[in-house]
Amino acid sequence: MNCRDVVRHLHEYLDGELPGAKVEQIDAHLHQCEHCQRFLASYRKTIQLFRRTLDHDLSPEASRHLWQILERKLEH
């Protein structure tokens, strides 16, 4: 497991959608990689902020657009 793999599976990891073996691999990587620990903290904060934004009655189209932007940014 490397940093790119962690980032690629982070959304599924946080949503509890990964098999146990994959979760263990990500946990092991996060335990040793300070960069990914910081990225995970930032990702969680981004999700919290996005959810707060949803509380302000964003249209479904605007919500989808924001998710698409976030996903593109996370891939790079």
Protein backbone atom coordinates (compact mmCIF):
# COMPACT_ATOMS: atom_id res chain seq x y z
CA MET A 1 0.00 0.00 0.00
CA ASN A 2 1.39 3.39 -0.98
CA CYS A 3 0.13 6.97 -0.66
CA ARG A 4 -1.62 6.92 -4.03
CA ASP A 5 -3.53 3.76 -3.07
CA VAL A 6 -4.62 5.32 0.22
CA VAL A 7 -5.91 8.44 -1.51
CA ARG A 8 -7.67 6.38 -4.18
CA HIS A 9 -9.61 4.40 -1.54
CA LEU A 10 -10.03 7.07 1.12
CA HIS A 11 -13.71 7.75 0.48
CA GLU A 12 -14.58 4.06 0.66
CA TYR A 13 -12.36 3.71 3.72
CA LEU A 14 -14.19 6.44 5.60
CA ASP A 15 -17.58 5.13 4.52
CA GLY A 16 -16.76 1.61 5.76
CA GLU A 17 -17.15 0.13 2.28
CA LEU A 18 -13.81 -1.71 2.03
CA PRO A 19 -13.07 -5.33 2.90
CA GLY A 20 -11.24 -5.90 6.19
CA ALA A 21 -7.91 -6.75 4.56
CA LYS A 22 -7.87 -3.47 2.62
CA VAL A 23 -8.78 -1.52 5.77
CA GLU A 24 -5.89 -3.16 7.62
CA GLN A 25 -3.49 -2.21 4.82
CA ILE A 26 -4.66 1.40 4.87
CA ASP A 27 -4.51 1.52 8.67
CA ALA A 28 -0.94 0.18 8.58
CA HIS A 29 0.06 2.78 6.00
CA LEU A 30 -1.61 5.60 7.92
CA HIS A 31 0.16 4.51 11.08
CA GLN A 32 3.55 5.07 9.48
CA CYS A 33 2.91 7.88 6.96
CA GLU A 34 2.64 11.37 8.40
CA HIS A 35 1.78 12.84 5.00
CA CYS A 36 -1.27 10.58 4.64
CA GLN A 37 -2.28 11.28 8.24
CA ARG A 38 -2.39 15.00 7.45
CA PHE A 39 -4.20 14.33 4.17
CA LEU A 40 -6.81 12.22 5.98
CA ALA A 41 -7.38 14.99 8.53
CA SER A 42 -7.77 17.52 5.73
CA TYR A 43 -10.12 15.20 3.84
CA ARG A 44 -12.31 14.72 6.91
CA LYS A 45 -12.44 18.48 7.44
CA THR A 46 -13.41 18.99 3.78
CA ILE A 47 -16.25 16.50 4.16
CA GLN A 48 -17.47 18.28 7.30
CA LEU A 49 -17.43 21.64 5.53
CA PHE A 50 -19.21 20.20 2.51
CA ARG A 51 -21.93 18.72 4.71
CA ARG A 52 -22.42 22.09 6.36
CA THR A 53 -22.79 23.59 2.90
CA LEU A 54 -25.53 21.07 2.16
CA ASP A 55 -27.42 22.44 5.15
CA HIS A 56 -27.78 25.66 3.17
CA ASP A 57 -30.12 24.14 0.59
CA LEU A 58 -27.77 23.67 -2.33
CA SER A 59 -29.52 22.51 -5.46
CA PRO A 60 -28.86 18.88 -6.44
CA GLU A 61 -26.96 20.12 -9.49
CA ALA A 62 -24.70 22.38 -7.41
CA SER A 63 -24.10 19.56 -4.93
CA ARG A 64 -23.10 17.14 -7.72
CA HIS A 65 -20.83 19.77 -9.20
CA LEU A 66 -19.04 20.28 -5.88
CA TRP A 67 -18.53 16.52 -5.44
CA GLN A 68 -17.12 16.26 -8.96
CA ILE A 69 -14.64 19.05 -8.24
CA LEU A 70 -13.56 17.42 -4.98
CA GLU A 71 -13.10 14.03 -6.64
CA ARG A 72 -10.99 15.54 -9.45
CA LYS A 73 -8.82 17.40 -6.95
CA LEU A 74 -8.27 14.23 -4.91
CA GLU A 75 -7.17 12.27 -7.97
CA HIS A 76 -4.27 14.65 -8.62
